[in-house]
Structure formats: C-alpha cells, structure tokens
Amino acid sequence: MGTSTSLGPAREVELPGGRIRYHETGEGAPVVFVHGLLVNADLWRNVVPVIAAAGHRCLTPDWPLGAHSIPVPGADLTPTGIADLIAAFLERLDLTDVTIVANDTGGALIQVLLTRRPERVGRVVLASVDSYESFFPQPLAALPALAHIPGSLRPLTELLRIRALHRLPIAFGWASKYPVPSEIADSYLLPSRESAAIRKDARRFIKSVHRRYTLDTATRFASVRIPVLVVWASEDKFFPVSFAERLVGDLPNATLKLIDDSYTFLPEDQPELLSETILEFTRLHATP
C-alpha cells in the first residue's frame, strides 16, 4: 500500500511476473529500501526524508510480501525468486552503485541477492535481519507449515482486526518496542485482509521460507566483497545480537553497530538513529 507522503509520489514498474508499486523522492546516489513480511514501504516513512535531504535518491517499493497492493500471481515468490525480482527492479530502473537498506525478512532476501546478482549493488545495510537458522525466527517458525494449509491465513488476518492483539509476538509485539500508529498498522494489515489475491501471494512466499536458503547463502559469504553495515537492535527479541556478530565474522567487509531502545523494526522505533547510521556508512564508503 505504501501511502506515506514523506516517501514521494507512487509509481509502478513492470517486472518479470508482475508490476511493483514504489515511491521515489530525492536526487543523487540511489538508495533502495527492502522491508520484510506483512509490512510495506510505509516502514521507511521516517527514514527516507532524512536520507533524501542528505542528497540521495530514495526508492521504496512495496515488495510482494503480503502488504502490497498489486497482486503478482505470475511472479516467483520463493526467496530466490524475490531476490531476483529485486535485482530486476535495479536493472529495470538502470540503478548502479546502489545502497540497499534491508530490515527483517528483507535482509534474508538481500543476502540471497548478494550471492546471486550483486553487480548493481555498491553497499548494503542489514538492519536486524533474518539469517542462518533464523529464517523465520521463533515464534514465527511455524508459519510456513501453517501456510501449506489452504485458507489458513484468512483467520489470522481476521483476528488482527482486534487492535489489542497487535502487541502480541505474532503481530507487532516483538517486532516494534513502541506501538505502531493505527493508520500505519492498517496500511500493513488491510491488503491481506481485504484481498484474496494478496493473501495468496503472501501464502506462496511464507510457504517457501526455509532456513536452507539462508544457510546455503552463508556458505558463499566469502565471495561478497562489497561493504556491509550490520546494524542491530541491542534488545532484539527475534534476532539475538549473536546473529549480528556471526554475520560480521562471515562477511569479509562488514562492520557492526548496535542501536539501543528498539526491537527488530529499527525504522519504527529508532528512525533518527538508523538514518544517521546509514548516512555515516554511505559517506564512509562513497564511490570516488
């Protein structure tokens, strides 16, 4: 859905398997944002204005992960399929030397991208992300098995009509330390509640998630030469800091930065600190 005006005007681009909606604002070196499961471009609404003001062209797509507005029935929605879709987005818009900023599930997809089609990527920020054995993390690890049951997502989306339940771990309770504003929660949850086609896309992706993707990708980390900033919520409930340390140990050109007073959704809980950290990293690793 991605409705926040701070992201810039909405556009659409035709990619293999379907159309993707994205927002664009600012001018300069490109930064592409990759959200996770059941959220959309609105996750970045408080980060993008800061990055754009510092002289970057910010592109925030609604990736087909269950909170998107355009169904993509023809797209490959496995982790490798979506990684290739992200690569196709960069290619279609002829973006080069791109900074990619990824959060949560999106970070697992970017790890796959880095070991498959890294040619247009200049640097990467992995902000509290799925990795290794934690794709999905507890307590979401049962979701792929659940998604194999036809119609299984509908009761879950209906249940989340009850706003009091949004603070549960299965909703936003473990992802965001502070309550997600109700209009943003609606932006995240309404597409899958209101559209059977969007639910079907979400189910196809969730069904395919397995740690074999992230574990297999990790075996090729030694080939990743581009700079990677691993920025992590020190209080993360889904992803212990030990996963961040492991990523920094395995990626040849990676550094670690911890952010306090936040859970996994760093762009929700600590957008100012996250923005400063991203800009510091892009300045440090700017292309001459």
Protein backbone atom coordinates (compact mmCIF):
# COMPACT_ATOMS: atom_id res chain seq x y z
CA MET A 1 0.00 0.00 0.00
CA GLY A 2 2.81 2.45 0.92
CA THR A 3 0.75 5.59 1.49
CA SER A 4 3.02 7.93 3.48
CA THR A 5 3.51 11.24 1.65
CA SER A 6 7.08 11.52 3.00
CA LEU A 7 8.10 8.71 0.63
CA GLY A 8 7.38 10.73 -2.52
CA PRO A 9 4.89 10.02 -5.32
CA ALA A 10 3.82 6.46 -6.10
CA ARG A 11 4.94 4.90 -9.37
CA GLU A 12 4.72 1.47 -10.95
CA VAL A 13 7.25 -0.64 -12.81
CA GLU A 14 6.71 -3.79 -14.85
CA LEU A 15 8.97 -6.63 -13.75
CA PRO A 16 9.11 -10.34 -14.65
CA GLY A 17 5.94 -11.85 -13.20
CA GLY A 18 4.09 -8.63 -12.44
CA ARG A 19 4.00 -4.95 -11.56
CA ILE A 20 5.56 -3.44 -8.45
CA ARG A 21 4.46 -0.18 -6.83
CA TYR A 22 7.20 2.04 -5.47
CA HIS A 23 7.75 5.56 -4.19
CA GLU A 24 10.59 7.86 -5.16
CA THR A 25 11.94 11.10 -3.72
CA GLY A 26 15.23 13.00 -3.72
CA GLU A 27 18.15 13.19 -6.13
CA GLY A 28 21.66 11.78 -6.08
CA ALA A 29 23.17 8.37 -5.38
CA PRO A 30 20.36 5.78 -5.21
CA VAL A 31 19.20 4.09 -2.01
CA VAL A 32 16.71 1.22 -2.32
CA PHE A 33 14.79 0.03 0.74
CA VAL A 34 13.69 -3.57 1.35
CA HIS A 35 11.09 -4.28 4.04
CA GLY A 36 10.04 -7.62 5.49
CA LEU A 37 6.94 -9.78 5.82
CA LEU A 38 3.49 -8.17 6.15
CA VAL A 39 4.75 -4.59 6.03
CA ASN A 40 5.34 -2.25 3.09
CA ALA A 41 7.11 0.98 2.07
CA ASP A 42 5.49 2.84 5.00
CA LEU A 43 8.03 1.16 7.28
CA TRP A 44 10.58 3.70 5.96
CA ARG A 45 8.37 6.82 6.25
CA ASN A 46 10.57 8.42 8.97
CA VAL A 47 13.91 7.36 7.44
CA VAL A 48 13.51 8.35 3.78
CA PRO A 49 13.12 12.14 4.32
CA VAL A 50 16.44 12.27 6.23
CA ILE A 51 18.30 10.20 3.62
CA ALA A 52 16.78 12.21 0.73
CA ALA A 53 17.63 15.53 2.40
CA ALA A 54 21.27 14.41 2.63
CA GLY A 55 21.44 14.12 -1.19
CA HIS A 56 20.17 10.66 -2.09
CA ARG A 57 17.56 9.36 -4.50
CA CYS A 58 15.34 7.14 -2.30
CA LEU A 59 13.26 4.34 -3.82
CA THR A 60 10.88 2.44 -1.53
CA PRO A 61 8.99 -0.40 -3.24
CA ASP A 62 6.09 -2.39 -1.83
CA TRP A 63 7.65 -5.83 -2.25
CA PRO A 64 5.12 -8.69 -2.63
CA LEU A 65 5.35 -9.89 0.97
CA GLY A 66 1.71 -9.59 1.99
CA ALA A 67 1.16 -5.84 2.48
CA HIS A 68 1.41 -4.90 -1.21
CA SER A 69 -1.45 -3.50 -3.29
CA ILE A 70 -0.87 -5.11 -6.71
CA PRO A 71 -1.10 -8.93 -6.81
CA VAL A 72 1.68 -10.73 -8.68
CA PRO A 73 0.22 -14.17 -9.47
CA GLY A 74 2.84 -14.79 -12.16
CA ALA A 75 5.88 -13.98 -10.02
CA ASP A 76 8.24 -16.48 -8.41
CA LEU A 77 7.75 -15.73 -4.72
CA THR A 78 10.38 -18.05 -3.30
CA PRO A 79 13.30 -16.31 -1.53
CA THR A 80 15.50 -16.71 -4.63
CA GLY A 81 12.61 -15.55 -6.84
CA ILE A 82 12.14 -12.35 -4.83
CA ALA A 83 15.91 -11.75 -4.68
CA ASP A 84 15.88 -11.94 -8.49
CA LEU A 85 12.85 -9.60 -8.55
CA ILE A 86 14.84 -7.05 -6.53
CA ALA A 87 17.74 -7.43 -8.98
CA ALA A 88 15.28 -6.93 -11.86
CA PHE A 89 13.99 -3.73 -10.21
CA LEU A 90 17.54 -2.32 -10.08
CA GLU A 91 18.11 -3.32 -13.71
CA ARG A 92 14.77 -2.00 -15.00
CA LEU A 93 15.40 1.43 -13.45
CA ASP A 94 19.07 1.27 -14.50
CA LEU A 95 20.30 1.86 -10.95
CA THR A 96 24.01 1.32 -10.31
CA ASP A 97 26.27 1.58 -7.25
CA VAL A 98 23.09 1.22 -5.18
CA THR A 99 22.95 1.34 -1.40
CA ILE A 100 20.43 -1.25 -0.25
CA VAL A 101 18.88 -0.90 3.21
CA ALA A 102 17.05 -4.03 4.38
CA ASN A 103 15.13 -4.92 7.54
CA ASP A 104 13.73 -8.15 8.98
CA THR A 105 12.76 -10.72 6.28
CA GLY A 106 14.04 -8.30 3.63
CA GLY A 107 17.56 -8.82 4.94
CA ALA A 108 17.44 -12.56 4.20
CA LEU A 109 16.37 -11.77 0.63
CA ILE A 110 19.28 -9.33 0.25
CA GLN A 111 21.76 -11.93 1.49
CA VAL A 112 20.48 -14.19 -1.30
CA LEU A 113 20.79 -11.29 -3.79
CA LEU A 114 24.39 -10.59 -2.73
CA THR A 115 25.45 -14.14 -3.57
CA ARG A 116 23.43 -14.34 -6.82
CA ARG A 117 23.26 -10.96 -8.59
CA PRO A 118 25.36 -8.34 -6.76
CA GLU A 119 26.57 -6.43 -9.82
CA ARG A 120 24.47 -3.25 -9.32
CA VAL A 121 24.95 -3.10 -5.54
CA GLY A 122 27.56 -0.77 -4.05
CA ARG A 123 26.94 -1.25 -0.34
CA VAL A 124 24.37 -2.86 1.97
CA VAL A 125 22.84 -2.10 5.35
CA LEU A 126 21.37 -5.16 7.10
CA ALA A 127 19.21 -3.78 9.90
CA SER A 128 18.12 -6.55 12.33
CA VAL A 129 17.50 -9.30 9.78
CA ASP A 130 16.71 -12.99 9.35
CA SER A 131 19.86 -15.05 8.79
CA TYR A 132 21.35 -18.54 9.21
CA GLU A 133 18.98 -20.81 11.20
CA SER A 134 16.64 -17.92 11.92
CA PHE A 135 14.53 -17.73 8.75
CA PHE A 136 11.83 -17.41 10.12
CA PRO A 137 12.73 -16.83 13.76
CA GLN A 138 10.74 -18.15 16.71
CA PRO A 139 7.82 -17.65 17.34
CA LEU A 140 7.13 -17.38 13.59
CA ALA A 141 8.88 -20.62 12.64
CA ALA A 142 5.57 -22.49 12.38
CA LEU A 143 4.16 -20.10 9.75
CA PRO A 144 5.50 -21.98 6.66
CA ALA A 145 3.84 -25.23 7.81
CA LEU A 146 0.61 -23.34 8.53
CA ALA A 147 0.73 -21.70 5.09
CA HIS A 148 0.60 -25.10 3.41
CA ILE A 149 -2.99 -25.41 4.62
CA PRO A 150 -5.40 -23.75 2.13
CA GLY A 151 -7.26 -20.81 3.67
CA SER A 152 -5.00 -20.75 6.73
CA LEU A 153 -4.07 -17.06 6.51
CA ARG A 154 -7.65 -15.76 6.46
CA PRO A 155 -8.43 -16.46 10.16
CA LEU A 156 -5.14 -14.82 11.14
CA THR A 157 -5.86 -11.66 9.15
CA GLU A 158 -9.39 -11.52 10.61
CA LEU A 159 -8.05 -11.95 14.15
CA LEU A 160 -5.79 -8.94 13.67
CA ARG A 161 -8.84 -6.72 13.25
CA ILE A 162 -8.62 -6.56 17.05
CA ARG A 163 -6.11 -3.80 17.71
CA ALA A 164 -5.34 -5.04 21.23
CA LEU A 165 -3.81 -8.14 19.64
CA HIS A 166 -1.26 -6.07 17.66
CA ARG A 167 1.05 -6.16 20.70
CA LEU A 168 1.24 -9.97 20.59
CA PRO A 169 4.50 -11.58 19.33
CA ILE A 170 2.69 -12.97 16.26
CA ALA A 171 1.75 -9.39 15.28
CA PHE A 172 3.97 -6.38 16.11
CA GLY A 173 4.64 -7.01 19.81
CA TRP A 174 8.12 -8.48 19.34
CA ALA A 175 8.92 -6.51 16.19
CA SER A 176 8.29 -2.99 17.47
CA LYS A 177 9.12 -1.83 21.01
CA TYR A 178 6.69 1.07 20.71
CA PRO A 179 3.13 0.78 19.36
CA VAL A 180 2.79 1.11 15.58
CA PRO A 181 0.40 4.02 14.80
CA SER A 182 -3.05 2.71 13.91
CA GLU A 183 -3.06 4.18 10.38
CA ILE A 184 0.29 2.51 9.67
CA ALA A 185 -0.89 -0.80 11.15
CA ASP A 186 -3.86 -0.54 8.76
CA SER A 187 -1.51 0.07 5.84
CA TYR A 188 0.34 -3.13 6.79
CA LEU A 189 -2.65 -5.36 7.60
CA LEU A 190 -5.53 -4.28 5.35
CA PRO A 191 -4.17 -5.57 1.99
CA SER A 192 -4.05 -9.20 3.16
CA ARG A 193 -7.37 -8.84 4.99
CA GLU A 194 -9.24 -7.33 2.07
CA SER A 195 -7.75 -9.16 -0.93
CA ALA A 196 -7.74 -12.91 -1.51
CA ALA A 197 -5.13 -12.39 -4.26
CA ILE A 198 -2.76 -10.60 -1.86
CA ARG A 199 -3.29 -13.37 0.72
CA LYS A 200 -2.45 -15.91 -1.95
CA ASP A 201 0.81 -14.09 -2.75
CA ALA A 202 1.68 -13.92 0.96
CA ARG A 203 0.93 -17.59 1.39
CA ARG A 204 3.10 -18.56 -1.57
CA PHE A 205 6.04 -16.69 -0.09
CA ILE A 206 5.55 -17.88 3.50
CA LYS A 207 5.16 -21.48 2.31
CA SER A 208 8.57 -21.33 0.61
CA VAL A 209 10.52 -19.88 3.55
CA HIS A 210 13.11 -22.27 4.97
CA ARG A 211 16.45 -21.84 6.70
CA ARG A 212 18.12 -23.83 3.93
CA TYR A 213 18.06 -20.60 1.85
CA THR A 214 19.94 -18.53 4.43
CA LEU A 215 22.29 -21.34 5.46
CA ASP A 216 23.16 -22.10 1.82
CA THR A 217 23.68 -18.39 1.12
CA ALA A 218 26.00 -18.10 4.13
CA THR A 219 28.33 -20.70 2.60
CA ARG A 220 29.06 -18.15 -0.16
CA PHE A 221 29.59 -15.07 2.05
CA ALA A 222 33.35 -15.21 1.42
CA SER A 223 32.67 -14.08 -2.17
CA VAL A 224 30.87 -10.88 -1.03
CA ARG A 225 33.39 -8.05 -1.32
CA ILE A 226 31.13 -5.03 -1.02
CA PRO A 227 30.89 -3.12 2.27
CA VAL A 228 28.12 -4.31 4.59
CA LEU A 229 26.90 -2.49 7.69
CA VAL A 230 25.20 -4.82 10.15
CA VAL A 231 23.09 -2.56 12.37
CA TRP A 232 21.19 -4.35 15.10
CA ALA A 233 18.72 -3.64 17.87
CA SER A 234 20.55 -4.49 21.10
CA GLU A 235 17.21 -5.57 22.63
CA ASP A 236 16.01 -7.52 19.56
CA LYS A 237 13.57 -10.25 20.61
CA PHE A 238 13.55 -12.13 17.31
CA PHE A 239 17.25 -11.98 16.41
CA PRO A 240 19.86 -12.18 19.19
CA VAL A 241 22.95 -9.99 18.77
CA SER A 242 24.96 -13.23 18.34
CA PHE A 243 23.50 -13.47 14.81
CA ALA A 244 24.80 -9.97 14.03
CA GLU A 245 28.25 -10.92 15.31
CA ARG A 246 28.17 -14.05 13.18
CA LEU A 247 27.30 -12.06 10.05
CA VAL A 248 30.17 -9.64 10.72
CA GLY A 249 32.53 -12.58 11.23
CA ASP A 250 31.49 -14.29 7.98
CA LEU A 251 31.17 -11.31 5.62
CA PRO A 252 34.65 -10.13 4.56
CA ASN A 253 33.92 -6.38 4.60
CA ALA A 254 31.33 -5.98 7.37
CA THR A 255 31.06 -3.78 10.46
CA LEU A 256 28.63 -3.89 13.39
CA LYS A 257 26.66 -1.08 15.01
CA LEU A 258 24.20 -1.64 17.87
CA ILE A 259 21.19 0.60 18.49
CA ASP A 260 19.51 0.71 21.89
CA ASP A 261 15.85 1.14 22.83
CA SER A 262 14.48 -0.74 19.82
CA TYR A 263 13.26 -4.14 18.70
CA THR A 264 13.56 -5.54 15.14
CA PHE A 265 11.67 -2.67 13.47
CA LEU A 266 14.51 -0.15 13.80
CA PRO A 267 12.81 2.15 11.22
CA GLU A 268 9.73 2.27 13.51
CA ASP A 269 11.44 2.50 16.91
CA GLN A 270 14.62 4.50 16.18
CA PRO A 271 14.34 6.12 12.72
CA GLU A 272 16.64 9.07 13.57
CA LEU A 273 19.48 6.89 14.85
CA LEU A 274 19.07 4.45 11.98
CA SER A 275 19.13 7.32 9.43
CA GLU A 276 22.30 8.81 10.95
CA THR A 277 23.96 5.39 10.91
CA ILE A 278 23.04 4.81 7.24
CA LEU A 279 24.38 8.23 6.20
CA GLU A 280 27.62 7.75 8.15
CA PHE A 281 28.10 4.42 6.34
CA THR A 282 27.32 5.82 2.86
CA ARG A 283 29.77 8.71 3.42
CA LEU A 284 32.48 6.32 4.60
CA HIS A 285 32.02 4.07 1.58
CA ALA A 286 31.13 6.66 -1.08
CA THR A 287 32.34 5.90 -4.58
CA PRO A 288 35.09 8.40 -5.54
